PDB file of N, CA and C in Angstrom:
ATOM      1  N   MET A   1       0.848  -1.214   0.020  1.00  0.00           N
ATOM      2  CA  MET A   1       0.049  -0.031   0.009  1.00  0.00           C
ATOM      3  C   MET A   1       0.959   1.256  -0.037  1.00  0.00           C
ATOM      4  N   THR A   2       1.879   1.258   0.651  1.00  0.00           N
ATOM      5  CA  THR A   2       2.932   2.323   0.711  1.00  0.00           C
ATOM      6  C   THR A   2       3.419   2.719  -0.645  1.00  0.00           C
ATOM      7  N   LYS A   3       3.648   1.624  -1.444  1.00  0.00           N
ATOM      8  CA  LYS A   3       4.208   1.742  -2.637  1.00  0.00           C
ATOM      9  C   LYS A   3       3.274   2.598  -3.544  1.00  0.00           C
ATOM     10  N   ASN A   4       1.916   2.362  -3.532  1.00  0.00           N
ATOM     11  CA  ASN A   4       0.895   3.106  -4.244  1.00  0.00           C
ATOM     12  C   ASN A   4       0.812   4.535  -3.854  1.00  0.00           C
ATOM     13  N   ASN A   5       0.962   4.712  -2.528  1.00  0.00           N
ATOM     14  CA  ASN A   5       0.921   6.044  -2.013  1.00  0.00           C
ATOM     15  C   ASN A   5       2.064   6.943  -2.539  1.00  0.00           C
ATOM     16  N   GLU A   6       3.252   6.218  -2.633  1.00  0.00           N
ATOM     17  CA  GLU A   6       4.453   6.924  -3.150  1.00  0.00           C
ATOM     18  C   GLU A   6       4.224   7.279  -4.524  1.00  0.00           C
ATOM     19  N   ALA A   7       3.673   6.409  -5.392  1.00  0.00           N
ATOM     20  CA  ALA A   7       3.479   6.712  -6.757  1.00  0.00           C
ATOM     21  C   ALA A   7       2.429   7.808  -6.848  1.00  0.00           C
ATOM     22  N   ILE A   8       1.373   7.771  -6.163  1.00  0.00           N
ATOM     23  CA  ILE A   8       0.337   8.895  -6.152  1.00  0.00           C
ATOM     24  C   ILE A   8       0.983  10.165  -5.802  1.00  0.00           C
ATOM     25  N   ASN A   9       1.734  10.151  -4.766  1.00  0.00           N
ATOM     26  CA  ASN A   9       2.397  11.465  -4.395  1.00  0.00           C
ATOM     27  C   ASN A   9       3.272  11.975  -5.490  1.00  0.00           C
ATOM     28  N   GLN A  10       4.063  11.062  -6.088  1.00  0.00           N
ATOM     29  CA  GLN A  10       4.921  11.542  -7.195  1.00  0.00           C
ATOM     30  C   GLN A  10       4.128  12.081  -8.326  1.00  0.00           C
ATOM     31  N   ILE A  11       3.058  11.485  -8.732  1.00  0.00           N
ATOM     32  CA  ILE A  11       2.184  12.002  -9.820  1.00  0.00           C
ATOM     33  C   ILE A  11       1.616  13.307  -9.451  1.00  0.00           C
ATOM     34  N   ARG A  12       1.172  13.538  -8.173  1.00  0.00           N
ATOM     35  CA  ARG A  12       0.601  14.834  -7.686  1.00  0.00           C
ATOM     36  C   ARG A  12       1.701  15.887  -7.656  1.00  0.00           C
ATOM     37  N   LYS A  13       2.946  15.528  -7.369  1.00  0.00           N
ATOM     38  CA  LYS A  13       4.145  16.448  -7.365  1.00  0.00           C
ATOM     39  C   LYS A  13       4.392  16.933  -8.886  1.00  0.00           C
ATOM     40  N   ILE A  14       4.207  15.925  -9.760  1.00  0.00           N
ATOM     41  CA  ILE A  14       4.577  16.329 -11.172  1.00  0.00           C
ATOM     42  C   ILE A  14       3.459  17.191 -11.735  1.00  0.00           C
ATOM     43  N   ARG A  15       2.214  16.905 -11.285  1.00  0.00           N
ATOM     44  CA  ARG A  15       1.105  17.631 -11.776  1.00  0.00           C
ATOM     45  C   ARG A  15       1.100  19.166 -11.241  1.00  0.00           C
ATOM     46  N   HIS A  16       1.600  19.268 -10.019  1.00  0.00           N
ATOM     47  CA  HIS A  16       1.691  20.579  -9.390  1.00  0.00           C
ATOM     48  C   HIS A  16       2.770  21.250  -9.994  1.00  0.00           C
ATOM     49  N   ILE A  17       3.890  20.729 -10.430  1.00  0.00           N
ATOM     50  CA  ILE A  17       4.964  21.395 -11.189  1.00  0.00           C
ATOM     51  C   ILE A  17       4.466  21.889 -12.421  1.00  0.00           C
ATOM     52  N   ILE A  18       3.661  21.087 -13.143  1.00  0.00           N
ATOM     53  CA  ILE A  18       3.169  21.537 -14.516  1.00  0.00           C
ATOM     54  C   ILE A  18       2.216  22.589 -14.327  1.00  0.00           C
ATOM     55  N   SER A  19       1.387  22.590 -13.307  1.00  0.00           N
ATOM     56  CA  SER A  19       0.457  23.665 -13.008  1.00  0.00           C
ATOM     57  C   SER A  19       1.257  25.013 -12.608  1.00  0.00           C
ATOM     58  N   LEU A  20       2.218  24.826 -11.831  1.00  0.00           N
ATOM     59  CA  LEU A  20       3.094  25.979 -11.438  1.00  0.00           C
ATOM     60  C   LEU A  20       3.723  26.610 -12.658  1.00  0.00           C
ATOM     61  N   GLU A  21       4.221  25.800 -13.580  1.00  0.00           N
ATOM     62  CA  GLU A  21       4.957  26.213 -14.795  1.00  0.00           C
ATOM     63  C   GLU A  21       3.964  27.003 -15.719  1.00  0.00           C
ATOM     64  N   ASN A  22       2.747  26.709 -15.570  1.00  0.00           N
ATOM     65  CA  ASN A  22       1.569  27.393 -16.389  1.00  0.00           C
ATOM     66  C   ASN A  22       0.939  28.464 -15.511  1.00  0.00           C
ATOM     67  N   GLY A  23       1.480  28.893 -14.371  1.00  0.00           N
ATOM     68  CA  GLY A  23       0.914  29.967 -13.654  1.00  0.00           C
ATOM     69  C   GLY A  23      -0.437  29.512 -12.993  1.00  0.00           C
ATOM     70  N   HIS A  24      -0.579  28.252 -12.768  1.00  0.00           N
ATOM     71  CA  HIS A  24      -1.860  27.752 -12.188  1.00  0.00           C
ATOM     72  C   HIS A  24      -3.089  28.356 -12.909  1.00  0.00           C
ATOM     73  N   ASN A  25      -2.901  28.623 -14.144  1.00  0.00           N
ATOM     74  CA  ASN A  25      -3.969  29.163 -15.054  1.00  0.00           C
ATOM     75  C   ASN A  25      -4.693  27.976 -15.859  1.00  0.00           C
ATOM     76  N   PRO A  26      -5.886  27.768 -15.528  1.00  0.00           N
ATOM     77  CA  PRO A  26      -6.568  26.586 -16.224  1.00  0.00           C
ATOM     78  C   PRO A  26      -6.582  26.614 -17.703  1.00  0.00           C
ATOM     79  N   GLN A  27      -6.678  27.705 -18.384  1.00  0.00           N
ATOM     80  CA  GLN A  27      -6.612  27.905 -19.796  1.00  0.00           C
ATOM     81  C   GLN A  27      -5.229  27.478 -20.326  1.00  0.00           C
ATOM     82  N   LYS A  28      -4.177  27.937 -19.626  1.00  0.00           N
ATOM     83  CA  LYS A  28      -2.775  27.639 -19.978  1.00  0.00           C
ATOM     84  C   LYS A  28      -2.552  26.077 -19.863  1.00  0.00           C
ATOM     85  N   LEU A  29      -3.178  25.576 -18.715  1.00  0.00           N
ATOM     86  CA  LEU A  29      -3.033  24.149 -18.552  1.00  0.00           C
ATOM     87  C   LEU A  29      -3.719  23.317 -19.758  1.00  0.00           C
ATOM     88  N   VAL A  30      -4.774  23.732 -20.090  1.00  0.00           N
ATOM     89  CA  VAL A  30      -5.500  23.062 -21.217  1.00  0.00           C
ATOM     90  C   VAL A  30      -4.724  23.110 -22.464  1.00  0.00           C
ATOM     91  N   ASN A  31      -4.248  24.272 -22.687  1.00  0.00           N
ATOM     92  CA  ASN A  31      -3.316  24.573 -23.996  1.00  0.00           C
ATOM     93  C   ASN A  31      -2.157  23.666 -23.809  1.00  0.00           C
ATOM     94  N   TYR A  32      -1.529  23.540 -22.600  1.00  0.00           N
ATOM     95  CA  TYR A  32      -0.330  22.755 -22.479  1.00  0.00           C
ATOM     96  C   TYR A  32      -0.609  21.232 -22.816  1.00  0.00           C
ATOM     97  N   TYR A  33      -1.759  20.799 -22.342  1.00  0.00           N
ATOM     98  CA  TYR A  33      -2.074  19.337 -22.569  1.00  0.00           C
ATOM     99  C   TYR A  33      -2.542  19.033 -23.972  1.00  0.00           C
ATOM    100  N   ILE A  34      -3.149  20.183 -24.639  1.00  0.00           N
ATOM    101  CA  ILE A  34      -3.414  19.934 -26.110  1.00  0.00           C
ATOM    102  C   ILE A  34      -2.192  19.856 -26.829  1.00  0.00           C
ATOM    103  N   GLU A  35      -1.230  20.669 -26.537  1.00  0.00           N
ATOM    104  CA  GLU A  35       0.087  20.618 -27.287  1.00  0.00           C
ATOM    105  C   GLU A  35       0.740  19.320 -27.029  1.00  0.00           C
ATOM    106  N   LEU A  36       0.683  18.786 -25.797  1.00  0.00           N
ATOM    107  CA  LEU A  36       1.286  17.532 -25.509  1.00  0.00           C
ATOM    108  C   LEU A  36       0.711  16.443 -26.241  1.00  0.00           C
ATOM    109  N   GLN A  37      -0.733  16.471 -26.370  1.00  0.00           N
ATOM    110  CA  GLN A  37      -1.341  15.406 -27.151  1.00  0.00           C
ATOM    111  C   GLN A  37      -0.974  15.499 -28.681  1.00  0.00           C
ATOM    112  N   LYS A  38      -0.639  16.758 -29.120  1.00  0.00           N
ATOM    113  CA  LYS A  38      -0.245  16.851 -30.581  1.00  0.00           C
ATOM    114  C   LYS A  38       1.258  16.175 -30.722  1.00  0.00           C
ATOM    115  N   GLN A  39       2.013  16.439 -29.707  1.00  0.00           N
ATOM    116  CA  GLN A  39       3.347  15.730 -29.762  1.00  0.00           C
ATOM    117  C   GLN A  39       3.377  14.334 -29.757  1.00  0.00           C
ATOM    118  N   TYR A  40       2.450  13.746 -29.103  1.00  0.00           N
ATOM    119  CA  TYR A  40       2.365  12.182 -28.928  1.00  0.00           C
ATOM    120  C   TYR A  40       1.026  11.661 -29.303  1.00  0.00           C
ATOM    121  N   PRO A  41       0.645  11.918 -30.539  1.00  0.00           N
ATOM    122  CA  PRO A  41      -0.626  11.369 -31.102  1.00  0.00           C
ATOM    123  C   PRO A  41      -0.802   9.852 -30.979  1.00  0.00           C
ATOM    124  N   ASN A  42       0.267   9.054 -31.075  1.00  0.00           N
ATOM    125  CA  ASN A  42       0.069   7.661 -30.963  1.00  0.00           C
ATOM    126  C   ASN A  42      -0.323   7.175 -29.598  1.00  0.00           C
ATOM    127  N   LEU A  43       0.057   7.959 -28.487  1.00  0.00           N
ATOM    128  CA  LEU A  43      -0.448   7.535 -27.154  1.00  0.00           C
ATOM    129  C   LEU A  43      -1.860   7.903 -27.049  1.00  0.00           C
ATOM    130  N   ILE A  44      -2.303   8.930 -27.640  1.00  0.00           N
ATOM    131  CA  ILE A  44      -3.838   9.306 -27.520  1.00  0.00           C
ATOM    132  C   ILE A  44      -4.533   8.274 -28.349  1.00  0.00           C
ATOM    133  N   GLN A  45      -4.118   7.927 -29.546  1.00  0.00           N
ATOM    134  CA  GLN A  45      -4.724   6.958 -30.410  1.00  0.00           C
ATOM    135  C   GLN A  45      -4.799   5.645 -29.593  1.00  0.00           C
ATOM    136  N   TYR A  46      -3.759   5.245 -28.903  1.00  0.00           N
ATOM    137  CA  TYR A  46      -3.696   4.043 -28.176  1.00  0.00           C
ATOM    138  C   TYR A  46      -4.818   4.057 -27.173  1.00  0.00           C
ATOM    139  N   LYS A  47      -4.927   5.143 -26.366  1.00  0.00           N
ATOM    140  CA  LYS A  47      -5.915   5.278 -25.403  1.00  0.00           C
ATOM    141  C   LYS A  47      -7.355   5.142 -25.926  1.00  0.00           C
ATOM    142  N   GLU A  48      -7.533   5.836 -27.206  1.00  0.00           N
ATOM    143  CA  GLU A  48      -8.834   5.699 -27.732  1.00  0.00           C
ATOM    144  C   GLU A  48      -9.117   4.154 -28.289  1.00  0.00           C
ATOM    145  N   GLN A  49      -8.186   3.491 -28.699  1.00  0.00           N
ATOM    146  CA  GLN A  49      -8.408   2.081 -29.043  1.00  0.00           C
ATOM    147  C   GLN A  49      -8.669   1.215 -27.727  1.00  0.00           C
ATOM    148  N   GLN A  50      -7.996   1.600 -26.697  1.00  0.00           N
ATOM    149  CA  GLN A  50      -8.180   0.802 -25.460  1.00  0.00           C
ATOM    150  C   GLN A  50      -9.631   1.109 -24.976  1.00  0.00           C
ATOM    151  N   THR A  51     -10.115   2.279 -25.074  1.00  0.00           N
ATOM    152  CA  THR A  51     -11.480   2.711 -24.658  1.00  0.00           C
ATOM    153  C   THR A  51     -12.430   1.934 -25.533  1.00  0.00           C
ATOM    154  N   LYS A  52     -12.265   1.925 -26.874  1.00  0.00           N
ATOM    155  CA  LYS A  52     -13.155   1.219 -27.691  1.00  0.00           C
ATOM    156  C   LYS A  52     -13.246  -0.309 -27.361  1.00  0.00           C
ATOM    157  N   ILE A  53     -12.082  -0.902 -27.039  1.00  0.00           N
ATOM    158  CA  ILE A  53     -12.113  -2.200 -26.806  1.00  0.00           C
ATOM    159  C   ILE A  53     -12.791  -2.526 -25.359  1.00  0.00           C
ATOM    160  N   LEU A  54     -12.538  -1.637 -24.377  1.00  0.00           N
ATOM    161  CA  LEU A  54     -13.268  -1.787 -23.167  1.00  0.00           C
ATOM    162  C   LEU A  54     -14.827  -1.600 -23.324  1.00  0.00           C
ATOM    163  N   GLU A  55     -15.195  -0.568 -24.124  1.00  0.00           N
ATOM    164  CA  GLU A  55     -16.712  -0.248 -24.331  1.00  0.00           C
ATOM    165  C   GLU A  55     -17.314  -1.560 -25.115  1.00  0.00           C
ATOM    166  N   SER A  56     -16.486  -2.110 -26.010  1.00  0.00           N
ATOM    167  CA  SER A  56     -17.032  -3.317 -26.768  1.00  0.00           C
ATOM    168  C   SER A  56     -17.164  -4.452 -25.822  1.00  0.00           C
ATOM    169  N   SER A  57     -16.182  -4.676 -24.917  1.00  0.00           N
ATOM    170  CA  SER A  57     -16.278  -5.829 -23.967  1.00  0.00           C
ATOM    171  C   SER A  57     -17.466  -5.583 -23.061  1.00  0.00           C
ATOM    172  N   ALA A  58     -17.598  -4.384 -22.567  1.00  0.00           N
ATOM    173  CA  ALA A  58     -18.746  -4.044 -21.635  1.00  0.00           C
ATOM    174  C   ALA A  58     -20.123  -4.335 -22.308  1.00  0.00           C
ATOM    175  N   GLN A  59     -20.187  -3.908 -23.678  1.00  0.00           N
ATOM    176  CA  GLN A  59     -21.428  -4.094 -24.319  1.00  0.00           C
ATOM    177  C   GLN A  59     -21.702  -5.588 -24.552  1.00  0.00           C
ATOM    178  N   GLN A  60     -20.626  -6.337 -24.942  1.00  0.00           N
ATOM    179  CA  GLN A  60     -20.847  -7.796 -25.020  1.00  0.00           C
ATOM    180  C   GLN A  60     -21.258  -8.435 -23.828  1.00  0.00           C
ATOM    181  N   GLY A  61     -20.755  -8.020 -22.691  1.00  0.00           N
ATOM    182  CA  GLY A  61     -21.210  -8.542 -21.435  1.00  0.00           C
ATOM    183  C   GLY A  61     -22.587  -8.296 -21.115  1.00  0.00           C
ATOM    184  N   LEU A  62     -23.033  -7.006 -21.396  1.00  0.00           N
ATOM    185  CA  LEU A  62     -24.504  -6.763 -21.202  1.00  0.00           C
ATOM    186  C   LEU A  62     -25.371  -7.472 -22.118  1.00  0.00           C
ATOM    187  N   GLU A  63     -24.988  -7.775 -23.425  1.00  0.00           N
ATOM    188  CA  GLU A  63     -25.767  -8.527 -24.345  1.00  0.00           C
ATOM    189  C   GLU A  63     -25.856  -9.932 -23.899  1.00  0.00           C
ATOM    190  N   ALA A  64     -24.709 -10.518 -23.246  1.00  0.00           N
ATOM    191  CA  ALA A  64     -24.764 -11.862 -22.789  1.00  0.00           C
ATOM    192  C   ALA A  64     -25.630 -12.073 -21.575  1.00  0.00           C
ATOM    193  N   GLU A  65     -25.822 -10.912 -20.736  1.00  0.00           N
ATOM    194  CA  GLU A  65     -26.708 -11.074 -19.568  1.00  0.00           C
ATOM    195  C   GLU A  65     -28.152 -11.019 -20.001  1.00  0.00           C
ATOM    196  N   ALA A  66     -28.451 -10.479 -21.160  1.00  0.00           N
ATOM    197  CA  ALA A  66     -29.782 -10.307 -21.629  1.00  0.00           C
ATOM    198  C   ALA A  66     -30.449 -11.499 -22.116  1.00  0.00           C
TER     199      ALA A  66
END
């Protein structure tokens, strides 16, 4: 459990640094993440594919129950 807490704390620290670098301005943060998505389109595409797979699996599970 401590290991998970350490990982979560590290993620929070990184998010805080990113927010600080963008002046804690929500619009600047959104723009930052949009640019990051443009730099790594394959990662976003991967997530979209994973979401579609999960949604499809969930739908199949619902159909099987019916």
